[in-house]
């Protein structure tokens, strides 16, 4: 079960734009935690196998725009921000 230890955590993402010639670090939130699982030695071909994971339940997206980019350069970076986990 993941519910007790799957939670929001602060992370930093380093993003480089070669077109704009700059590198920035973005602070955001993600989901992290330990999910108790048991790997069976024998997997039955007729029984389904389940493994719990820690994932985003709700999220939004934020955008960073690189400054000083040449005309026509892709200056926008969009990244997810976790709001809740499961």
N, C-alpha and C. Protein backbone atom coordinates (compact mmCIF):
# COMPACT_ATOMS: atom_id res chain seq x y z
N UNK A 1 0.84 -1.18 0.00
CA UNK A 1 0.00 0.00 0.00
C UNK A 1 0.88 1.24 0.00
N UNK A 2 0.53 2.23 -0.81
CA UNK A 2 1.33 3.45 -0.96
C UNK A 2 0.84 4.62 -0.14
N UNK A 3 -0.37 4.61 0.31
CA UNK A 3 -0.99 5.80 0.87
C UNK A 3 -0.20 6.43 2.02
N UNK A 4 0.42 5.64 2.86
CA UNK A 4 1.07 6.22 4.04
C UNK A 4 2.39 6.90 3.73
N UNK A 5 3.09 6.47 2.70
CA UNK A 5 4.40 7.07 2.47
C UNK A 5 4.54 7.72 1.09
N UNK A 6 3.50 7.76 0.30
CA UNK A 6 3.52 8.45 -0.99
C UNK A 6 3.06 9.88 -0.74
N UNK A 7 3.95 10.84 -0.94
CA UNK A 7 3.60 12.22 -0.59
C UNK A 7 4.30 13.22 -1.50
N UNK A 8 3.83 14.45 -1.41
CA UNK A 8 4.45 15.53 -2.16
C UNK A 8 5.85 15.79 -1.63
N UNK A 9 6.76 16.08 -2.55
CA UNK A 9 8.12 16.42 -2.15
C UNK A 9 8.64 17.53 -3.06
N UNK A 10 9.47 18.39 -2.53
CA UNK A 10 10.06 19.47 -3.33
C UNK A 10 11.23 18.92 -4.13
N UNK A 11 11.28 19.29 -5.41
CA UNK A 11 12.40 18.89 -6.25
C UNK A 11 12.87 20.09 -7.06
N UNK A 12 14.07 19.99 -7.58
CA UNK A 12 14.62 21.02 -8.47
C UNK A 12 14.92 20.37 -9.82
N UNK A 13 14.55 21.05 -10.88
CA UNK A 13 14.81 20.59 -12.24
C UNK A 13 15.73 21.61 -12.90
N UNK A 14 16.85 21.15 -13.44
CA UNK A 14 17.75 22.04 -14.17
C UNK A 14 17.41 21.93 -15.65
N UNK A 15 17.17 23.07 -16.27
CA UNK A 15 16.76 23.11 -17.67
C UNK A 15 17.73 24.00 -18.44
N UNK A 16 18.20 23.48 -19.58
CA UNK A 16 19.11 24.23 -20.42
C UNK A 16 18.45 24.52 -21.76
N UNK A 17 18.59 25.73 -22.23
CA UNK A 17 18.13 26.10 -23.56
C UNK A 17 19.36 26.46 -24.39
N UNK A 18 19.71 25.59 -25.31
CA UNK A 18 20.86 25.87 -26.17
C UNK A 18 20.56 27.05 -27.08
N UNK A 19 19.31 27.14 -27.55
CA UNK A 19 18.92 28.24 -28.43
C UNK A 19 19.06 29.60 -27.74
N UNK A 20 18.73 29.64 -26.45
CA UNK A 20 18.76 30.90 -25.71
C UNK A 20 20.07 31.10 -24.97
N UNK A 21 20.90 30.06 -24.93
CA UNK A 21 22.20 30.17 -24.29
C UNK A 21 22.13 30.36 -22.79
N UNK A 22 21.16 29.72 -22.15
CA UNK A 22 21.07 29.85 -20.70
C UNK A 22 20.61 28.56 -20.04
N UNK A 23 20.85 28.49 -18.74
CA UNK A 23 20.51 27.32 -17.94
C UNK A 23 19.89 27.83 -16.64
N UNK A 24 18.76 27.25 -16.25
CA UNK A 24 18.09 27.69 -15.03
C UNK A 24 17.70 26.47 -14.20
N UNK A 25 17.45 26.71 -12.93
CA UNK A 25 16.95 25.67 -12.04
C UNK A 25 15.56 26.08 -11.58
N UNK A 26 14.60 25.16 -11.77
CA UNK A 26 13.21 25.40 -11.42
C UNK A 26 12.87 24.55 -10.20
N UNK A 27 12.23 25.15 -9.20
CA UNK A 27 11.75 24.41 -8.04
C UNK A 27 10.28 24.07 -8.27
N UNK A 28 9.93 22.80 -8.05
CA UNK A 28 8.56 22.35 -8.24
C UNK A 28 8.26 21.24 -7.23
N UNK A 29 7.09 20.63 -7.33
CA UNK A 29 6.75 19.52 -6.46
C UNK A 29 6.48 18.28 -7.30
N UNK A 30 6.80 17.13 -6.73
CA UNK A 30 6.56 15.84 -7.36
C UNK A 30 6.08 14.88 -6.28
N UNK A 31 5.79 13.66 -6.67
CA UNK A 31 5.36 12.63 -5.72
C UNK A 31 6.50 11.63 -5.53
N UNK A 32 6.73 11.25 -4.29
CA UNK A 32 7.78 10.28 -4.01
C UNK A 32 7.39 9.50 -2.76
N UNK A 33 7.88 8.28 -2.69
CA UNK A 33 7.61 7.47 -1.51
C UNK A 33 7.80 6.00 -1.80
N UNK A 34 7.75 5.23 -0.76
CA UNK A 34 7.95 3.79 -0.83
C UNK A 34 6.60 3.10 -0.86
N UNK A 35 6.44 2.18 -1.78
CA UNK A 35 5.22 1.38 -1.87
C UNK A 35 5.56 -0.07 -1.56
N UNK A 36 4.90 -0.64 -0.57
CA UNK A 36 5.15 -2.02 -0.20
C UNK A 36 4.65 -2.95 -1.31
N UNK A 37 5.55 -3.75 -1.83
CA UNK A 37 5.18 -4.73 -2.86
C UNK A 37 5.84 -6.05 -2.55
N UNK A 38 5.30 -7.09 -3.07
CA UNK A 38 5.90 -8.41 -2.95
C UNK A 38 5.97 -9.02 -4.34
N UNK A 39 7.15 -9.41 -4.73
CA UNK A 39 7.36 -10.05 -6.02
C UNK A 39 7.23 -11.54 -5.84
N UNK A 40 6.29 -12.14 -6.51
CA UNK A 40 6.11 -13.59 -6.41
C UNK A 40 7.17 -14.32 -7.22
N UNK A 41 7.60 -15.44 -6.71
CA UNK A 41 8.57 -16.26 -7.43
C UNK A 41 7.91 -16.86 -8.67
N UNK A 42 6.66 -17.26 -8.51
CA UNK A 42 5.91 -17.85 -9.62
C UNK A 42 4.76 -16.92 -9.97
N UNK A 43 4.66 -16.57 -11.22
CA UNK A 43 3.54 -15.76 -11.70
C UNK A 43 2.60 -16.64 -12.50
N UNK A 44 1.39 -16.72 -12.04
CA UNK A 44 0.39 -17.53 -12.71
C UNK A 44 -0.01 -16.86 -14.03
N UNK A 45 -0.11 -17.63 -15.09
CA UNK A 45 -0.53 -17.05 -16.37
C UNK A 45 -2.00 -16.64 -16.39
N UNK A 46 -2.78 -17.07 -15.40
CA UNK A 46 -4.21 -16.73 -15.39
C UNK A 46 -4.57 -15.67 -14.35
N UNK A 47 -3.66 -15.35 -13.43
CA UNK A 47 -3.93 -14.32 -12.42
C UNK A 47 -3.22 -13.03 -12.80
N UNK A 48 -3.91 -11.90 -12.61
CA UNK A 48 -3.29 -10.62 -12.89
C UNK A 48 -2.29 -10.27 -11.80
N UNK A 49 -1.25 -9.56 -12.19
CA UNK A 49 -0.21 -9.12 -11.28
C UNK A 49 -0.34 -7.61 -11.09
N UNK A 50 -0.34 -7.16 -9.86
CA UNK A 50 -0.46 -5.75 -9.55
C UNK A 50 0.77 -5.28 -8.80
N UNK A 51 1.20 -4.06 -9.10
CA UNK A 51 2.28 -3.45 -8.34
C UNK A 51 1.89 -2.00 -8.07
N UNK A 52 1.93 -1.61 -6.81
CA UNK A 52 1.57 -0.25 -6.44
C UNK A 52 2.69 0.71 -6.79
N UNK A 53 2.32 1.91 -7.21
CA UNK A 53 3.30 2.95 -7.51
C UNK A 53 2.82 4.27 -6.91
N UNK A 54 3.75 5.16 -6.72
CA UNK A 54 3.45 6.50 -6.20
C UNK A 54 3.39 7.46 -7.39
N UNK A 55 2.21 8.01 -7.65
CA UNK A 55 2.00 8.86 -8.82
C UNK A 55 1.27 10.14 -8.47
N UNK A 56 1.28 11.08 -9.42
CA UNK A 56 0.47 12.29 -9.28
C UNK A 56 -1.00 11.91 -9.30
N UNK A 57 -1.78 12.43 -8.39
CA UNK A 57 -3.24 12.29 -8.45
C UNK A 57 -3.82 13.52 -9.16
N UNK A 58 -3.40 14.69 -8.70
CA UNK A 58 -3.80 15.95 -9.33
C UNK A 58 -2.55 16.75 -9.63
N UNK A 59 -2.58 17.46 -10.75
CA UNK A 59 -1.43 18.27 -11.12
C UNK A 59 -1.88 19.42 -12.00
N UNK A 60 -0.97 20.36 -12.14
CA UNK A 60 -1.16 21.49 -13.04
C UNK A 60 0.15 21.68 -13.78
N UNK A 61 0.16 22.58 -14.73
CA UNK A 61 1.39 22.88 -15.46
C UNK A 61 1.74 24.34 -15.27
N UNK A 62 3.03 24.61 -15.13
CA UNK A 62 3.52 25.98 -15.08
C UNK A 62 4.51 26.16 -16.22
N UNK A 63 4.72 27.40 -16.60
CA UNK A 63 5.57 27.71 -17.75
C UNK A 63 6.64 28.71 -17.35
N UNK A 64 7.85 28.46 -17.83
CA UNK A 64 8.95 29.41 -17.65
C UNK A 64 9.35 29.90 -19.04
N UNK A 65 9.54 31.20 -19.18
CA UNK A 65 9.99 31.74 -20.47
C UNK A 65 11.42 32.26 -20.32
N UNK A 66 12.32 31.68 -21.11
CA UNK A 66 13.71 32.11 -21.11
C UNK A 66 13.80 33.54 -21.65
N UNK A 67 14.65 34.33 -21.04
CA UNK A 67 14.84 35.73 -21.44
C UNK A 67 16.01 35.85 -22.42
N UNK A 68 15.98 36.87 -23.25
CA UNK A 68 17.10 37.18 -24.14
C UNK A 68 17.32 36.18 -25.26
N UNK A 69 16.27 35.55 -25.72
CA UNK A 69 16.39 34.55 -26.79
C UNK A 69 16.34 35.23 -28.15
N UNK A 70 17.03 34.66 -29.14
CA UNK A 70 16.93 35.21 -30.50
C UNK A 70 15.52 35.02 -31.06
N UNK A 71 15.17 35.84 -32.02
CA UNK A 71 13.85 35.74 -32.66
C UNK A 71 13.66 34.35 -33.24
N UNK A 72 12.49 33.78 -33.03
CA UNK A 72 12.17 32.46 -33.57
C UNK A 72 12.61 31.30 -32.70
N UNK A 73 13.33 31.57 -31.62
CA UNK A 73 13.80 30.50 -30.74
C UNK A 73 12.64 30.00 -29.87
N UNK A 74 12.68 28.73 -29.54
CA UNK A 74 11.68 28.16 -28.63
C UNK A 74 12.10 28.54 -27.21
N UNK A 75 11.47 29.56 -26.65
CA UNK A 75 11.91 30.11 -25.37
C UNK A 75 11.03 29.68 -24.20
N UNK A 76 10.06 28.79 -24.44
CA UNK A 76 9.11 28.42 -23.40
C UNK A 76 9.34 26.98 -22.95
N UNK A 77 9.39 26.79 -21.63
CA UNK A 77 9.51 25.45 -21.05
C UNK A 77 8.33 25.24 -20.12
N UNK A 78 7.55 24.18 -20.36
CA UNK A 78 6.38 23.86 -19.54
C UNK A 78 6.67 22.61 -18.73
N UNK A 79 6.32 22.62 -17.44
CA UNK A 79 6.64 21.51 -16.56
C UNK A 79 5.46 21.23 -15.62
N UNK A 80 5.32 19.96 -15.18
CA UNK A 80 4.23 19.61 -14.27
C UNK A 80 4.53 19.99 -12.83
N UNK A 81 3.47 20.31 -12.10
CA UNK A 81 3.56 20.59 -10.66
C UNK A 81 2.52 19.71 -9.98
N UNK A 82 2.98 18.80 -9.14
CA UNK A 82 2.06 17.90 -8.44
C UNK A 82 1.30 18.67 -7.38
N UNK A 83 -0.02 18.42 -7.31
CA UNK A 83 -0.86 19.03 -6.28
C UNK A 83 -1.25 18.02 -5.20
N UNK A 84 -1.35 16.74 -5.60
CA UNK A 84 -1.63 15.66 -4.65
C UNK A 84 -1.11 14.36 -5.24
N UNK A 85 -0.95 13.36 -4.37
CA UNK A 85 -0.35 12.08 -4.77
C UNK A 85 -1.26 10.92 -4.41
N UNK A 86 -1.03 9.78 -5.07
CA UNK A 86 -1.73 8.54 -4.73
C UNK A 86 -0.82 7.36 -4.96
